[in-house]
Amino acid sequence: MSESRRPSLRERTRHAVREQIAEAALIMFDEQGFEETTVDQIAAAVDISPRSFFRYFAAKEDVVLGDPMIHGEPVRAALAEHVETMPLWDALRASFDSIVRITEADPVGTLRATRVMISTPTLRARNTEKHLAWMLVLVPIVEDTLTGTEDDRGYRARAITLAALNCLDVTSAEWVHRNGAVGNGALLDEAFALLKPAVLAD
């Protein structure tokens, strides 16, 4: 399939309905709680049947998080490119620019989704699983930039990658805490700058 092919009318319609469902669901999750909101309530809010909801989302959790590699693959591709021209820690920070752009494109919606995620234990657990999936594809790239024995490089690569992902997590929480008053990108820059001396230490 050509990458330049325009989505069909059916695909555009499906995407629009999916976005409508997600927007209604996130508002309800935010206002009354994720666990307290039922699929029946979401379906009623957008005038569809509960069965139709599951044509667009496999579960309520997918409204908030979805497929972990939808956003993870752009991060992986960016890191593979940036390590060719940047120091490793700077390359990891730059690889998260695609995530920052998502928040900048829809700050209200992303802030709401993030607030729901960090306030719901089951979603926080799913977010941890997402980062484990990201680590599987990021660690080999990081490891290839390091020197030393195979065991040493693998250990250091996992530690560095997890530190970068933790910067992303703590930034998201702080962004919600400040209610979006400070840009996500600026907070991420600050978190990476705080850890940079430790990561680059011998």
Protein backbone atom coordinates (compact mmCIF):
# COMPACT_ATOMS: atom_id res chain seq x y z
CA MET A 1 0.00 0.00 0.00
CA SER A 2 1.38 3.39 -0.95
CA GLU A 3 2.24 5.64 2.00
CA SER A 4 0.84 8.60 0.06
CA ARG A 5 -2.59 7.00 -0.46
CA ARG A 6 -5.35 9.17 0.91
CA PRO A 7 -7.62 7.52 3.48
CA SER A 8 -10.94 6.38 2.05
CA LEU A 9 -14.21 7.97 3.13
CA ARG A 10 -14.94 4.89 5.22
CA GLU A 11 -11.56 5.17 6.96
CA ARG A 12 -12.05 8.88 7.62
CA THR A 13 -15.53 8.24 8.98
CA ARG A 14 -14.26 5.48 11.24
CA HIS A 15 -11.46 7.72 12.53
CA ALA A 16 -13.94 10.55 13.22
CA VAL A 17 -16.27 8.25 15.17
CA ARG A 18 -13.35 6.81 17.12
CA GLU A 19 -12.20 10.32 18.04
CA GLN A 20 -15.73 11.27 19.09
CA ILE A 21 -15.98 8.22 21.34
CA ALA A 22 -12.54 8.87 22.84
CA GLU A 23 -13.29 12.51 23.57
CA ALA A 24 -16.58 11.70 25.31
CA ALA A 25 -15.01 8.84 27.26
CA LEU A 26 -12.04 10.89 28.47
CA ILE A 27 -14.30 13.67 29.71
CA MET A 28 -16.35 11.13 31.65
CA PHE A 29 -13.25 9.37 33.00
CA ASP A 30 -11.88 12.72 34.16
CA GLU A 31 -15.10 13.93 35.76
CA GLN A 32 -16.42 10.78 37.42
CA GLY A 33 -13.46 8.37 37.48
CA PHE A 34 -12.23 5.66 35.14
CA GLU A 35 -13.50 2.70 37.15
CA GLU A 36 -16.84 4.39 37.78
CA THR A 37 -17.50 5.02 34.09
CA THR A 38 -19.13 2.16 32.20
CA VAL A 39 -19.06 1.31 28.53
CA ASP A 40 -22.85 1.66 28.52
CA GLN A 41 -22.51 5.27 29.72
CA ILE A 42 -19.91 6.08 27.09
CA ALA A 43 -22.00 4.51 24.34
CA ALA A 44 -25.09 6.43 25.42
CA ALA A 45 -23.15 9.71 25.42
CA VAL A 46 -22.28 9.33 21.71
CA ASP A 47 -25.53 7.61 20.71
CA ILE A 48 -24.11 4.21 19.82
CA SER A 49 -24.68 0.74 21.26
CA PRO A 50 -22.22 -0.79 23.75
CA ARG A 51 -21.50 -3.44 21.12
CA SER A 52 -20.50 -0.70 18.67
CA PHE A 53 -18.04 0.69 21.24
CA PHE A 54 -16.06 -2.54 21.02
CA ARG A 55 -15.79 -2.18 17.24
CA TYR A 56 -13.53 0.81 17.90
CA PHE A 57 -11.84 -0.12 21.20
CA ALA A 58 -11.07 -3.55 22.58
CA ALA A 59 -11.44 -2.27 26.16
CA LYS A 60 -11.92 0.95 28.12
CA GLU A 61 -8.18 1.07 28.79
CA ASP A 62 -7.48 1.38 25.06
CA VAL A 63 -9.25 4.74 24.98
CA VAL A 64 -6.49 6.15 27.20
CA LEU A 65 -3.41 4.15 26.17
CA GLY A 66 -4.08 1.93 23.15
CA ASP A 67 -1.32 0.14 21.23
CA PRO A 68 2.00 0.98 22.96
CA MET A 69 3.98 0.95 19.72
CA ILE A 70 1.82 3.51 17.90
CA HIS A 71 3.94 6.15 19.65
CA GLY A 72 6.85 3.88 20.50
CA GLU A 73 7.86 3.21 16.90
CA PRO A 74 8.40 6.93 16.06
CA VAL A 75 10.53 7.21 19.21
CA ARG A 76 12.60 4.19 18.14
CA ALA A 77 13.07 5.52 14.61
CA ALA A 78 14.08 8.95 15.89
CA LEU A 79 16.59 7.49 18.33
CA ALA A 80 18.17 5.34 15.62
CA GLU A 81 18.62 8.50 13.54
CA HIS A 82 19.78 10.83 16.31
CA VAL A 83 22.49 8.57 17.77
CA GLU A 84 24.36 8.99 14.50
CA THR A 85 24.85 12.72 15.10
CA MET A 86 24.25 13.41 18.81
CA PRO A 87 25.61 12.31 22.19
CA LEU A 88 23.49 9.44 23.50
CA TRP A 89 21.63 11.31 26.26
CA ASP A 90 20.82 14.19 23.92
CA ALA A 91 19.65 11.69 21.29
CA LEU A 92 17.29 10.07 23.80
CA ARG A 93 15.82 13.46 24.69
CA ALA A 94 15.39 14.36 21.01
CA SER A 95 13.71 11.02 20.32
CA PHE A 96 10.83 12.07 22.59
CA ASP A 97 10.03 15.13 20.48
CA SER A 98 7.22 13.21 18.76
CA ILE A 99 5.56 12.78 22.18
CA VAL A 100 5.99 16.48 22.94
CA ARG A 101 4.38 17.37 19.61
CA ILE A 102 1.30 15.33 20.55
CA THR A 103 0.86 17.35 23.73
CA GLU A 104 1.36 20.61 21.85
CA ALA A 105 -1.16 19.66 19.16
CA ASP A 106 -3.93 18.96 21.70
CA PRO A 107 -2.87 20.19 25.15
CA VAL A 108 -6.36 20.03 26.65
CA GLY A 109 -7.11 16.50 25.46
CA THR A 110 -3.64 15.17 26.26
CA LEU A 111 -3.66 16.77 29.72
CA ARG A 112 -7.01 15.13 30.42
CA ALA A 113 -5.83 11.71 29.21
CA THR A 114 -2.64 11.97 31.25
CA ARG A 115 -4.55 13.03 34.36
CA VAL A 116 -6.84 10.02 33.98
CA MET A 117 -3.88 7.70 33.46
CA ILE A 118 -1.86 8.75 36.51
CA SER A 119 -4.95 8.71 38.78
CA THR A 120 -5.97 5.14 37.84
CA PRO A 121 -3.89 2.21 39.16
CA THR A 122 -4.82 -0.16 36.31
CA LEU A 123 -3.84 2.45 33.73
CA ARG A 124 -0.56 3.21 35.50
CA ALA A 125 0.21 -0.51 35.31
CA ARG A 126 -0.60 -0.51 31.58
CA ASN A 127 1.68 2.49 31.16
CA THR A 128 4.51 0.53 32.80
CA GLU A 129 3.87 -2.31 30.34
CA LYS A 130 4.07 0.23 27.52
CA HIS A 131 7.50 1.35 28.66
CA LEU A 132 8.69 -2.24 28.88
CA ALA A 133 7.62 -2.67 25.25
CA TRP A 134 9.52 0.51 24.34
CA MET A 135 12.61 -0.75 26.16
CA LEU A 136 12.71 -3.85 23.99
CA VAL A 137 13.24 -1.70 20.89
CA LEU A 138 15.25 1.16 22.41
CA VAL A 139 17.83 -0.78 24.44
CA PRO A 140 19.57 -2.41 21.43
CA ILE A 141 20.11 1.03 19.87
CA VAL A 142 21.51 2.43 23.11
CA GLU A 143 23.71 -0.64 23.63
CA ASP A 144 25.30 -0.25 20.20
CA THR A 145 26.62 3.18 21.22
CA LEU A 146 28.39 1.89 24.33
CA THR A 147 31.77 0.27 24.86
CA GLY A 148 32.78 -2.60 27.13
CA THR A 149 31.81 -6.22 27.50
CA GLU A 150 28.46 -7.47 26.24
CA ASP A 151 27.09 -7.89 29.78
CA ASP A 152 28.30 -4.45 30.83
CA ARG A 153 26.87 -2.74 27.75
CA GLY A 154 23.53 -4.49 28.16
CA TYR A 155 23.24 -3.50 31.82
CA ARG A 156 24.22 0.12 31.19
CA ALA A 157 21.90 0.35 28.18
CA ARG A 158 18.93 -0.84 30.25
CA ALA A 159 19.75 1.58 33.07
CA ILE A 160 20.16 4.56 30.73
CA THR A 161 17.01 3.76 28.75
CA LEU A 162 14.92 3.31 31.87
CA ALA A 163 16.25 6.60 33.25
CA ALA A 164 15.12 8.34 30.05
CA LEU A 165 11.67 6.75 30.24
CA ASN A 166 11.40 7.77 33.91
CA CYS A 167 12.14 11.35 32.84
CA LEU A 168 9.17 11.07 30.50
CA ASP A 169 6.97 9.72 33.31
CA VAL A 170 7.92 12.28 35.93
CA THR A 171 7.50 15.05 33.37
CA SER A 172 3.97 13.88 32.56
CA ALA A 173 3.05 13.83 36.25
CA GLU A 174 4.54 17.29 36.82
CA TRP A 175 2.76 18.63 33.74
CA VAL A 176 -0.55 17.47 35.22
CA HIS A 177 0.41 18.81 38.67
CA ARG A 178 0.98 22.25 37.14
CA ASN A 179 -2.19 21.88 35.04
CA GLY A 180 -0.28 22.50 31.84
CA ALA A 181 1.00 25.91 32.96
CA VAL A 182 4.55 24.94 31.89
CA GLY A 183 5.09 23.24 28.55
CA ASN A 184 5.70 19.50 28.52
CA GLY A 185 8.81 19.99 26.38
CA ALA A 186 10.34 22.49 28.81
CA LEU A 187 9.74 20.15 31.75
CA LEU A 188 11.27 17.26 29.82
CA ASP A 189 14.33 19.37 29.02
CA GLU A 190 14.71 20.15 32.73
CA ALA A 191 14.42 16.51 33.79
CA PHE A 192 17.00 15.39 31.23
CA ALA A 193 19.36 18.21 32.25
CA LEU A 194 19.11 17.14 35.92
CA LEU A 195 20.19 13.58 35.13
CA LYS A 196 22.71 14.34 32.42
CA PRO A 197 25.79 14.60 34.70
CA ALA A 198 24.98 11.25 36.34
CA VAL A 199 24.32 9.46 33.05
CA LEU A 200 27.54 10.73 31.50
CA ALA A 201 29.68 10.01 34.59
CA ASP A 202 32.41 7.39 34.18
